[in-house]
Amino acid sequence: MKMQFHGRRREPNMPLLLGLLAAAAVVTLVVATGLGPVSVSPATTARILLSRVPGLASHIPQTWEALDQNIVLGLRLPRVCLGMVVGASLAVCGVAMQALVRNNLADPFILGVSNGAAAFATLGMLFGAFSFLGTYSLSISAFIGSAATILCVYTLSRVRGRINITQLLLSGVAISMMMDGITSIIKLSAPNALGLHNAEFWMSGSLAGAKWAYLTLPLVVLLACMAVLLLNYRGLNLLLLGDESAGALGINVRRLQKLLVLVASLMAGTTIAVSGSIGFVGLMVPHFTRMLVGGDHKRVLPVSALLGGILVVWVDVAARLLIAPEELPVGILTAVVGGPIFIWMLKRSHREKG
């Protein structure tokens, strides 16, 4: 199931494609911000958003109600923006992980970061273990859990000073199972049903309760990691040929592997900290991106980021509309949709291999 680099197979019009995706992202931002149990028309949403742009406020008459503005700017816009950042991070993280293990069936959570985050976050939600961290105790505790997990996996995967990919994957599976067991023990010891419900909802992945303050760290991490990966796109391309071939072509394989583990873990950790575990995005989006633009990571990375952001925002819209005024966790919907797609990818991979 190893990936093959098909960078020369097709030459898509990248400026046009990126322009169309950027336009789709803007339309998504405007339309999705207005959708919910209380809807705001796209025209009204656009005027409210434009009125916040410096220099344009005086040219846009305020014809909307204060309630609409509070819904758009206070509730929906931070949630939609967070969805964009989370989706882009998961997709880019998936690209990095698939390059690292040379398998297009890998996803951002393959190293157990989500399980570690869930264990620490559950401990905090049910027993207040991290309440001393203040308002953002949930996000910080989840990040600590993901960081501790990846540190364990990285330490266990080192063989003679270098990362062994097989050891990395097996260590990730083992640590994931251990963290799942710890999470189950914590849930069985839950002091109240409400806390257990909140913990289950968070672990299923959700953008509910999004705040502007939640955006800063994930956005900074996304931009920094994206820049690092784009600077090393040639190394990512060559890494798919195998360690020996990449090394022979001038790539420092050890350094690049360590960099990919760091980048993927950092993005996954910060994303899980603000949204819980939203699966299958990092698995599906890179795969479809390669079908569109081929395997060159210079193209795959930006296209994956845009597609991932758009996908998560629309799944979140469905999550809050399907059973309105209640809402479903985003992770449940991505699993329901992603499961069949994953099976199709698996079958397709076996057919190509055969």
Protein backbone atom coordinates (compact mmCIF):
# COMPACT_ATOMS: atom_id res chain seq x y z
CA MET A 1 0.00 0.00 0.00
CA LYS A 2 2.93 2.31 -0.48
CA MET A 3 2.26 5.55 -2.19
CA GLN A 4 3.72 6.29 -5.57
CA PHE A 5 4.82 9.78 -6.54
CA HIS A 6 2.96 10.85 -9.65
CA GLY A 7 4.05 14.48 -9.75
CA ARG A 8 4.61 14.41 -13.54
CA ARG A 9 1.44 12.56 -14.45
CA ARG A 10 -0.73 15.66 -14.66
CA GLU A 11 -0.22 19.38 -14.86
CA PRO A 12 -3.26 21.07 -13.29
CA ASN A 13 -3.79 24.79 -13.63
CA MET A 14 -2.80 25.60 -10.04
CA PRO A 15 -3.52 29.36 -10.03
CA LEU A 16 -7.03 28.67 -11.34
CA LEU A 17 -7.63 25.78 -8.93
CA LEU A 18 -6.36 27.71 -5.90
CA GLY A 19 -8.42 30.73 -6.95
CA LEU A 20 -11.58 28.63 -7.21
CA LEU A 21 -10.94 26.98 -3.85
CA ALA A 22 -10.22 30.33 -2.20
CA ALA A 23 -13.48 31.71 -3.63
CA ALA A 24 -15.31 28.60 -2.39
CA ALA A 25 -13.80 29.14 1.06
CA VAL A 26 -15.04 32.75 1.14
CA VAL A 27 -18.54 31.71 0.00
CA THR A 28 -18.49 28.95 2.62
CA LEU A 29 -17.49 31.46 5.28
CA VAL A 30 -20.39 33.78 4.44
CA VAL A 31 -23.13 31.17 3.87
CA ALA A 32 -22.18 28.86 6.75
CA THR A 33 -22.00 31.76 9.20
CA GLY A 34 -25.66 32.50 8.53
CA LEU A 35 -26.91 28.91 8.86
CA GLY A 36 -28.25 27.53 12.11
CA PRO A 37 -31.42 27.16 14.19
CA VAL A 38 -31.82 30.93 13.74
CA SER A 39 -30.81 31.71 10.15
CA VAL A 40 -29.36 34.94 8.82
CA SER A 41 -29.49 35.51 5.05
CA PRO A 42 -26.19 35.41 3.14
CA ALA A 43 -26.71 39.03 2.00
CA THR A 44 -27.19 40.23 5.58
CA THR A 45 -24.24 38.13 6.78
CA ALA A 46 -22.02 39.59 4.05
CA ARG A 47 -23.02 43.16 4.97
CA ILE A 48 -22.34 42.53 8.65
CA LEU A 49 -18.92 41.07 7.87
CA LEU A 50 -18.00 43.86 5.44
CA SER A 51 -19.04 46.46 8.02
CA ARG A 52 -16.18 45.23 10.20
CA VAL A 53 -13.58 45.82 7.49
CA PRO A 54 -11.66 49.06 8.14
CA GLY A 55 -12.64 51.75 5.62
CA LEU A 56 -15.86 50.06 4.52
CA ALA A 57 -18.07 50.57 7.57
CA SER A 58 -19.12 54.11 6.60
CA HIS A 59 -20.24 52.91 3.14
CA ILE A 60 -22.54 50.13 4.40
CA PRO A 61 -25.88 51.26 5.90
CA GLN A 62 -26.87 49.27 9.01
CA THR A 63 -30.14 47.65 7.96
CA TRP A 64 -29.86 44.57 10.16
CA GLU A 65 -31.01 43.95 13.69
CA ALA A 66 -28.66 43.82 16.67
CA LEU A 67 -29.64 40.17 17.22
CA ASP A 68 -28.40 39.23 13.74
CA GLN A 69 -25.09 40.95 14.37
CA ASN A 70 -24.64 39.20 17.72
CA ILE A 71 -25.40 35.82 16.13
CA VAL A 72 -23.01 36.37 13.22
CA LEU A 73 -20.07 37.98 15.02
CA GLY A 74 -20.43 36.52 18.48
CA LEU A 75 -21.57 32.95 17.85
CA ARG A 76 -21.21 31.75 14.28
CA LEU A 77 -18.15 33.50 12.82
CA PRO A 78 -15.64 32.25 15.43
CA ARG A 79 -17.08 28.75 15.01
CA VAL A 80 -16.80 28.82 11.21
CA CYS A 81 -13.27 30.26 11.36
CA LEU A 82 -12.26 27.60 13.87
CA GLY A 83 -13.73 24.96 11.54
CA MET A 84 -11.61 26.30 8.69
CA VAL A 85 -8.43 26.18 10.79
CA VAL A 86 -9.19 22.75 12.26
CA GLY A 87 -10.02 21.24 8.86
CA ALA A 88 -6.92 22.71 7.24
CA SER A 89 -4.71 21.50 10.11
CA LEU A 90 -6.10 17.97 10.01
CA ALA A 91 -5.67 17.76 6.23
CA VAL A 92 -2.10 19.10 6.25
CA CYS A 93 -1.28 16.86 9.21
CA GLY A 94 -2.60 13.90 7.23
CA VAL A 95 -0.34 14.79 4.31
CA ALA A 96 2.68 14.92 6.63
CA MET A 97 1.85 11.58 8.28
CA GLN A 98 1.27 9.82 4.96
CA ALA A 99 4.62 11.07 3.68
CA LEU A 100 6.33 9.95 6.89
CA VAL A 101 5.03 6.37 6.80
CA ARG A 102 4.75 6.22 2.99
CA ASN A 103 1.16 5.00 3.15
CA ASN A 104 -1.91 6.90 1.95
CA LEU A 105 -4.08 5.12 4.53
CA ALA A 106 -2.35 6.88 7.44
CA ASP A 107 -4.12 9.65 9.33
CA PRO A 108 -3.12 12.34 11.88
CA PHE A 109 -4.15 10.19 14.85
CA ILE A 110 -2.10 7.15 13.92
CA LEU A 111 0.45 7.91 16.66
CA GLY A 112 -2.12 7.96 19.45
CA VAL A 113 -2.24 11.72 20.03
CA SER A 114 -6.05 11.78 20.13
CA ASN A 115 -6.18 9.00 22.73
CA GLY A 116 -3.67 10.75 24.97
CA ALA A 117 -5.55 14.03 24.66
CA ALA A 118 -8.85 12.29 25.45
CA ALA A 119 -7.43 10.66 28.60
CA PHE A 120 -6.11 13.93 30.05
CA ALA A 121 -9.15 15.97 28.99
CA THR A 122 -11.55 13.41 30.51
CA LEU A 123 -9.60 13.44 33.74
CA GLY A 124 -9.91 17.22 33.83
CA MET A 125 -13.62 17.34 32.95
CA LEU A 126 -14.75 14.64 35.36
CA PHE A 127 -12.46 15.23 38.32
CA GLY A 128 -11.20 18.80 37.84
CA ALA A 129 -7.59 17.63 37.81
CA PHE A 130 -6.49 20.63 35.73
CA SER A 131 -8.84 23.27 37.10
CA PHE A 132 -5.82 25.27 38.30
CA LEU A 133 -5.13 26.08 34.63
CA GLY A 134 -8.16 28.39 34.57
CA THR A 135 -10.59 29.12 31.72
CA TYR A 136 -8.69 27.12 29.11
CA SER A 137 -8.01 24.11 31.32
CA LEU A 138 -9.73 21.73 28.86
CA SER A 139 -7.66 22.83 25.87
CA ILE A 140 -4.40 22.93 27.82
CA SER A 141 -4.97 19.52 29.45
CA ALA A 142 -5.78 17.97 26.06
CA PHE A 143 -2.60 19.43 24.58
CA ILE A 144 -0.53 18.16 27.52
CA GLY A 145 -2.00 14.70 26.96
CA SER A 146 -1.21 14.69 23.25
CA ALA A 147 2.32 16.00 23.87
CA ALA A 148 3.02 13.36 26.53
CA THR A 149 1.75 10.62 24.21
CA ILE A 150 3.84 11.65 21.24
CA LEU A 151 6.92 11.96 23.45
CA CYS A 152 6.44 8.36 24.59
CA VAL A 153 5.85 7.11 21.04
CA TYR A 154 8.86 9.01 19.69
CA THR A 155 11.13 7.66 22.45
CA LEU A 156 9.99 4.08 21.85
CA SER A 157 10.40 4.37 18.07
CA ARG A 158 14.08 5.31 18.15
CA VAL A 159 16.39 2.48 17.13
CA ARG A 160 20.13 3.23 17.11
CA GLY A 161 19.47 6.94 17.11
CA ARG A 162 16.99 7.02 14.22
CA ILE A 163 13.24 6.62 13.85
CA ASN A 164 12.14 3.15 12.82
CA ILE A 165 8.82 3.51 10.96
CA THR A 166 7.54 0.05 11.93
CA GLN A 167 8.47 0.70 15.56
CA LEU A 168 6.78 4.10 15.32
CA LEU A 169 3.48 2.63 14.13
CA LEU A 170 3.50 -0.26 16.60
CA SER A 171 4.36 2.08 19.48
CA GLY A 172 1.50 4.35 18.43
CA VAL A 173 -0.95 1.44 18.47
CA ALA A 174 0.27 0.24 21.88
CA ILE A 175 0.13 3.69 23.49
CA SER A 176 -3.32 4.29 21.93
CA MET A 177 -4.67 1.11 23.53
CA MET A 178 -3.16 2.03 26.89
CA MET A 179 -4.65 5.53 26.79
CA ASP A 180 -8.04 4.10 25.74
CA GLY A 181 -7.92 1.83 28.76
CA ILE A 182 -7.08 4.74 31.07
CA THR A 183 -9.92 6.79 29.57
CA SER A 184 -12.37 3.93 30.16
CA ILE A 185 -11.31 3.66 33.81
CA ILE A 186 -11.79 7.41 34.26
CA LYS A 187 -15.27 7.28 32.66
CA LEU A 188 -16.35 4.29 34.76
CA SER A 189 -15.35 6.27 37.84
CA ALA A 190 -17.31 9.36 36.75
CA PRO A 191 -18.89 11.13 39.75
CA ASN A 192 -21.92 12.37 37.78
CA ALA A 193 -23.81 11.66 34.57
CA LEU A 194 -23.67 15.23 33.25
CA GLY A 195 -19.89 15.33 33.37
CA LEU A 196 -19.73 11.97 31.60
CA HIS A 197 -22.07 13.24 28.85
CA ASN A 198 -19.94 16.37 28.35
CA ALA A 199 -16.79 14.27 28.16
CA GLU A 200 -18.31 11.90 25.60
CA PHE A 201 -19.54 14.83 23.51
CA TRP A 202 -16.10 16.48 23.53
CA MET A 203 -14.30 13.22 22.64
CA SER A 204 -16.62 12.80 19.64
CA GLY A 205 -15.31 16.07 18.20
CA SER A 206 -17.22 19.33 18.23
CA LEU A 207 -16.80 23.02 17.43
CA ALA A 208 -19.52 24.05 19.90
CA GLY A 209 -18.41 26.74 22.32
CA ALA A 210 -15.83 28.14 19.89
CA LYS A 211 -14.32 31.45 20.97
CA TRP A 212 -12.05 33.93 19.24
CA ALA A 213 -9.37 33.15 21.82
CA TYR A 214 -9.32 29.51 20.66
CA LEU A 215 -8.21 30.55 17.17
CA THR A 216 -4.84 32.13 17.89
CA LEU A 217 -2.66 29.12 18.74
CA PRO A 218 -4.06 26.68 16.11
CA LEU A 219 -3.78 29.35 13.39
CA VAL A 220 -0.19 30.24 14.29
CA VAL A 221 0.77 26.55 14.43
CA LEU A 222 -0.96 25.86 11.09
CA LEU A 223 0.80 28.73 9.29
CA ALA A 224 4.21 27.88 10.79
CA CYS A 225 3.95 24.15 10.05
CA MET A 226 2.59 24.81 6.56
CA ALA A 227 5.57 27.03 5.81
CA VAL A 228 8.00 24.40 7.10
CA LEU A 229 6.41 21.65 5.01
CA LEU A 230 6.34 23.79 1.85
CA LEU A 231 10.02 24.60 2.31
CA ASN A 232 10.69 20.85 2.50
CA TYR A 233 8.29 19.76 -0.26
CA ARG A 234 11.09 18.27 -2.37
CA GLY A 235 12.18 16.13 0.58
CA LEU A 236 8.59 14.93 1.09
CA ASN A 237 8.40 13.94 -2.57
CA LEU A 238 11.66 12.00 -2.42
CA LEU A 239 10.83 10.38 0.91
CA LEU A 240 8.07 8.46 -0.85
CA LEU A 241 10.76 6.66 -2.86
CA GLY A 242 12.21 5.10 0.31
CA ASP A 243 14.84 6.10 2.86
CA GLU A 244 17.82 4.84 0.86
CA SER A 245 16.75 6.48 -2.39
CA ALA A 246 15.96 9.76 -0.65
CA GLY A 247 19.32 9.70 1.12
CA ALA A 248 21.13 9.00 -2.14
CA LEU A 249 19.43 12.06 -3.68
CA GLY A 250 20.74 14.36 -0.96
CA ILE A 251 17.94 14.29 1.63
CA ASN A 252 18.82 14.11 5.33
CA VAL A 253 16.26 11.40 6.09
CA ARG A 254 16.75 11.37 9.86
CA ARG A 255 16.27 15.12 10.18
CA LEU A 256 13.23 15.11 7.89
CA GLN A 257 11.57 12.25 9.78
CA LYS A 258 12.05 14.02 13.09
CA LEU A 259 10.69 17.22 11.54
CA LEU A 260 7.58 15.42 10.25
CA VAL A 261 6.90 13.79 13.62
CA LEU A 262 7.22 17.18 15.32
CA VAL A 263 5.05 19.02 12.78
CA ALA A 264 2.32 16.36 12.67
CA SER A 265 2.20 16.03 16.45
CA LEU A 266 2.10 19.78 17.01
CA MET A 267 -0.76 20.28 14.54
CA ALA A 268 -2.72 17.27 15.80
CA GLY A 269 -2.22 18.27 19.43
CA THR A 270 -3.33 21.87 19.03
CA THR A 271 -6.28 20.83 16.86
CA ILE A 272 -7.53 18.19 19.30
CA ALA A 273 -7.15 20.69 22.14
CA VAL A 274 -9.77 23.01 20.62
CA SER A 275 -12.10 20.61 18.80
CA GLY A 276 -11.75 17.10 20.20
CA SER A 277 -11.14 14.17 17.86
CA ILE A 278 -12.53 14.71 14.36
CA GLY A 279 -11.51 11.66 12.39
CA PHE A 280 -11.19 10.77 8.71
CA VAL A 281 -10.54 14.35 7.50
CA GLY A 282 -6.78 13.81 7.50
CA LEU A 283 -7.30 10.48 5.76
CA MET A 284 -9.76 11.46 3.03
CA VAL A 285 -8.72 14.97 2.03
CA PRO A 286 -5.07 14.22 1.06
CA HIS A 287 -6.24 11.22 -0.97
CA PHE A 288 -8.76 13.25 -2.99
CA THR A 289 -6.25 16.06 -3.37
CA ARG A 290 -3.78 13.70 -5.03
CA MET A 291 -6.53 12.61 -7.40
CA LEU A 292 -6.91 16.28 -8.38
CA VAL A 293 -3.33 17.53 -8.56
CA GLY A 294 -1.06 14.47 -8.44
CA GLY A 295 1.53 13.68 -5.78
CA ASP A 296 3.75 16.78 -5.77
CA HIS A 297 3.59 18.11 -2.20
CA LYS A 298 4.08 21.68 -3.43
CA ARG A 299 0.55 21.36 -4.83
CA VAL A 300 -0.91 18.86 -2.38
CA LEU A 301 -0.31 20.95 0.75
CA PRO A 302 -2.20 24.18 -0.14
CA VAL A 303 -5.04 22.35 -1.91
CA SER A 304 -5.46 19.95 1.03
CA ALA A 305 -5.59 22.86 3.47
CA LEU A 306 -8.38 24.59 1.56
CA LEU A 307 -10.38 21.40 0.94
CA GLY A 308 -10.03 20.33 4.58
CA GLY A 309 -11.24 23.67 5.90
CA ILE A 310 -14.26 23.76 3.57
CA LEU A 311 -15.17 20.14 4.39
CA VAL A 312 -15.13 20.56 8.17
CA VAL A 313 -17.18 23.77 8.04
CA TRP A 314 -19.95 22.12 6.00
CA VAL A 315 -19.94 18.98 8.15
CA ASP A 316 -20.29 21.26 11.18
CA VAL A 317 -23.25 23.01 9.50
CA ALA A 318 -24.90 19.62 9.01
CA ALA A 319 -24.13 18.71 12.63
CA ARG A 320 -26.00 21.72 13.97
CA LEU A 321 -28.94 21.52 11.54
CA LEU A 322 -29.83 17.81 11.34
CA ILE A 323 -31.48 17.62 14.76
CA ALA A 324 -31.81 21.36 15.50
CA PRO A 325 -32.02 22.90 18.06
CA GLU A 326 -29.82 20.07 19.38
CA GLU A 327 -26.60 19.27 17.55
CA LEU A 328 -24.47 16.25 16.75
CA PRO A 329 -20.73 16.01 17.36
CA VAL A 330 -18.83 16.70 14.13
CA GLY A 331 -16.67 13.63 14.65
CA ILE A 332 -19.71 11.35 14.46
CA LEU A 333 -20.71 12.68 11.03
CA THR A 334 -17.15 12.49 9.65
CA ALA A 335 -16.98 8.88 10.88
CA VAL A 336 -20.33 7.98 9.28
CA VAL A 337 -19.25 9.51 5.96
CA GLY A 338 -15.57 8.63 6.23
CA GLY A 339 -16.02 4.96 7.11
CA PRO A 340 -17.39 3.86 3.71
CA ILE A 341 -14.83 6.06 1.94
CA PHE A 342 -12.02 4.47 3.95
CA ILE A 343 -13.24 0.99 2.97
CA TRP A 344 -13.36 2.08 -0.69
CA MET A 345 -9.80 3.43 -0.45
CA LEU A 346 -8.65 0.17 1.14
CA LYS A 347 -10.24 -1.92 -1.62
CA ARG A 348 -8.84 0.36 -4.31
CA SER A 349 -5.38 0.14 -2.78
CA HIS A 350 -5.51 -3.67 -2.81
CA ARG A 351 -6.67 -3.70 -6.44
CA GLU A 352 -3.79 -1.43 -7.48
CA LYS A 353 -1.34 -3.56 -5.52
CA GLY A 354 -2.70 -6.73 -7.12
